[in-house]
């Protein structure tokens, strides 16, 4: 029996349940693609703003930085804007750190609202090398995931005996 015949027979024997599995897989794939696009756009906006703001910060042009960051919708812009706003009032370094954390507390719920349903993107399962920023996993991981999926199908077919054709 060839692999193609086996796959066709598997789908035929699975019945209606396979359509639910395919629908769930399609929804999961759509969510993963949307998350990938959203997170890459956010990373791009943050890097672009940071590249624009960093030279101004290094030259001490804080008013310009505050103007740019307040107009920006990027997460890093809100964090820097809160820190600069707190820096204007005389205070300690801890006050500035608290302002930056306050900016983070404003941004993080917005990100969590969009990623709470995907454990990998919500940092429930980080791969080595993804501690600092999200990156696409290597192709080797896809091979592992495929093997896991294949083993799952095989285990289901072993548990649920194959019916004789009618």
Protein backbone atom coordinates (compact mmCIF):
# COMPACT_ATOMS: atom_id res chain seq x y z
CA UNK A 1 0.00 0.00 0.00
CA UNK A 2 1.48 3.33 -1.01
CA UNK A 3 1.58 6.38 1.23
CA UNK A 4 -1.06 8.13 -0.86
CA UNK A 5 -3.42 5.15 -0.63
CA UNK A 6 -2.82 4.99 3.13
CA UNK A 7 -3.62 8.71 3.50
CA UNK A 8 -6.80 8.42 1.43
CA UNK A 9 -7.90 5.34 3.39
CA UNK A 10 -7.15 7.13 6.66
CA UNK A 11 -9.36 10.07 5.66
CA UNK A 12 -12.13 7.74 4.49
CA UNK A 13 -12.03 5.71 7.70
CA UNK A 14 -11.97 8.79 9.92
CA UNK A 15 -15.45 9.83 8.90
CA UNK A 16 -16.95 13.19 9.83
CA UNK A 17 -14.52 13.76 12.70
CA UNK A 18 -11.68 14.50 10.28
CA UNK A 19 -13.53 17.59 9.02
CA UNK A 20 -13.60 19.03 12.54
CA UNK A 21 -9.88 18.36 12.87
CA UNK A 22 -9.19 20.06 9.54
CA UNK A 23 -11.33 23.06 10.56
CA UNK A 24 -9.49 23.39 13.87
CA UNK A 25 -6.16 23.12 12.07
CA UNK A 26 -7.23 25.83 9.59
CA UNK A 27 -8.32 28.15 12.42
CA UNK A 28 -5.06 27.55 14.28
CA UNK A 29 -3.06 28.23 11.14
CA UNK A 30 -4.98 31.45 10.49
CA UNK A 31 -4.36 32.62 14.07
CA UNK A 32 -0.65 31.75 13.81
CA UNK A 33 -0.30 33.69 10.55
CA UNK A 34 -2.13 36.70 12.00
CA UNK A 35 0.09 36.62 15.13
CA UNK A 36 3.21 36.36 13.00
CA UNK A 37 2.18 39.40 10.98
CA UNK A 38 1.16 41.40 14.08
CA UNK A 39 4.32 40.63 16.04
CA UNK A 40 6.60 41.32 13.07
CA UNK A 41 4.85 44.64 12.46
CA UNK A 42 5.21 45.59 16.14
CA UNK A 43 8.89 44.61 16.12
CA UNK A 44 9.45 46.61 12.95
CA UNK A 45 7.74 49.70 14.37
CA UNK A 46 9.73 49.45 17.60
CA UNK A 47 13.06 49.07 15.80
CA UNK A 48 12.29 51.92 13.41
CA UNK A 49 11.33 54.26 16.24
CA UNK A 50 14.32 53.21 18.34
CA UNK A 51 16.70 53.85 15.43
CA UNK A 52 15.19 57.33 15.13
CA UNK A 53 15.16 58.10 18.87
CA UNK A 54 18.51 56.64 19.98
CA UNK A 55 20.73 59.30 18.34
CA UNK A 56 18.55 62.05 19.82
CA UNK A 57 18.82 60.47 23.28
CA UNK A 58 22.58 60.17 22.96
CA UNK A 59 22.83 63.86 22.02
CA UNK A 60 20.61 64.92 24.92
CA UNK A 61 17.72 66.22 22.78
CA UNK A 62 15.06 64.98 25.17
CA UNK A 63 12.31 67.43 24.12
CA UNK A 64 12.54 66.20 20.53
CA UNK A 65 12.48 62.59 21.72
CA UNK A 66 9.42 63.27 23.83
CA UNK A 67 7.64 64.87 20.87
CA UNK A 68 8.43 61.93 18.59
CA UNK A 69 7.53 59.25 21.13
CA UNK A 70 4.25 60.85 22.16
CA UNK A 71 3.10 60.86 18.52
CA UNK A 72 4.17 57.27 17.98
CA UNK A 73 1.92 54.27 18.47
CA UNK A 74 4.87 51.88 18.95
CA UNK A 75 5.26 50.20 22.32
CA UNK A 76 8.80 51.44 22.85
CA UNK A 77 7.58 54.99 22.20
CA UNK A 78 5.07 54.85 25.03
CA UNK A 79 7.65 53.44 27.41
CA UNK A 80 10.26 56.10 26.57
CA UNK A 81 7.63 58.87 26.68
CA UNK A 82 6.60 57.85 30.21
CA UNK A 83 10.21 57.78 31.34
CA UNK A 84 10.95 61.20 29.85
CA UNK A 85 7.80 62.67 31.33
CA UNK A 86 8.84 61.48 34.78
CA UNK A 87 12.40 62.67 34.20
CA UNK A 88 11.22 66.29 33.86
CA UNK A 89 10.26 66.43 37.49
CA UNK A 90 13.19 66.34 39.91
CA UNK A 91 13.44 62.90 41.37
CA UNK A 92 15.47 59.84 41.86
CA UNK A 93 16.44 57.21 39.35
CA UNK A 94 13.93 54.85 40.95
CA UNK A 95 11.16 57.28 39.99
CA UNK A 96 12.25 57.16 36.36
CA UNK A 97 12.43 53.36 36.49
CA UNK A 98 8.92 53.31 37.97
CA UNK A 99 7.68 55.49 35.11
CA UNK A 100 9.22 53.15 32.56
CA UNK A 101 7.56 50.19 34.28
CA UNK A 102 4.29 52.11 34.24
CA UNK A 103 4.68 52.47 30.49
CA UNK A 104 5.29 48.72 30.23
CA UNK A 105 2.15 48.06 32.25
CA UNK A 106 0.23 50.10 29.70
CA UNK A 107 1.68 48.17 26.74
CA UNK A 108 1.77 44.59 28.03
CA UNK A 109 -2.01 44.17 28.43
CA UNK A 110 -2.44 45.31 24.83
CA UNK A 111 -0.05 42.59 23.68
CA UNK A 112 -1.49 39.97 26.02
CA UNK A 113 -4.98 40.72 24.78
CA UNK A 114 -3.87 39.69 21.32
CA UNK A 115 -1.74 36.68 22.27
CA UNK A 116 -3.35 35.02 25.27
CA UNK A 117 -4.67 32.11 23.25
CA UNK A 118 -1.36 31.06 21.78
CA UNK A 119 0.84 29.66 24.51
CA UNK A 120 4.06 29.79 22.49
CA UNK A 121 3.69 33.49 21.70
CA UNK A 122 2.61 34.24 25.26
CA UNK A 123 5.91 32.81 26.56
CA UNK A 124 4.40 29.70 28.14
CA UNK A 125 6.95 27.72 26.17
CA UNK A 126 10.11 29.48 25.09
CA UNK A 127 12.68 27.73 22.99
CA UNK A 128 16.34 28.40 23.75
CA UNK A 129 17.40 31.60 22.05
CA UNK A 130 13.92 33.15 22.23
CA UNK A 131 14.22 34.64 25.69
CA UNK A 132 14.83 38.19 24.50
CA UNK A 133 12.69 38.37 21.39
CA UNK A 134 10.36 36.20 19.38
CA UNK A 135 11.79 34.58 16.27
CA UNK A 136 10.46 32.00 13.87
CA UNK A 137 11.49 28.51 14.94
CA UNK A 138 13.92 26.53 12.84
CA UNK A 139 12.86 24.04 10.21
CA UNK A 140 14.04 21.23 12.48
CA UNK A 141 11.24 22.11 14.91
CA UNK A 142 8.69 21.64 12.13
CA UNK A 143 10.08 18.18 11.57
CA UNK A 144 9.66 17.42 15.27
CA UNK A 145 6.13 18.76 15.28
CA UNK A 146 5.28 16.69 12.20
CA UNK A 147 6.68 13.58 13.86
CA UNK A 148 4.62 14.30 16.97
CA UNK A 149 1.50 14.71 14.85
CA UNK A 150 2.23 11.51 12.95
CA UNK A 151 2.73 9.55 16.18
CA UNK A 152 -0.56 10.97 17.49
CA UNK A 153 -2.41 9.73 14.41
CA UNK A 154 -0.80 6.31 14.70
CA UNK A 155 -1.71 6.05 18.39
CA UNK A 156 -5.32 6.99 17.65
CA UNK A 157 -5.53 4.34 14.95
CA UNK A 158 -4.09 1.76 17.36
CA UNK A 159 -6.57 2.66 20.10
CA UNK A 160 -9.57 2.87 17.79
CA UNK A 161 -9.54 -0.25 15.69
CA UNK A 162 -9.97 0.09 11.95
CA UNK A 163 -13.44 -0.89 10.79
CA UNK A 164 -13.95 -3.34 8.00
CA UNK A 165 -15.26 -1.76 4.78
CA UNK A 166 -19.00 -2.05 4.29
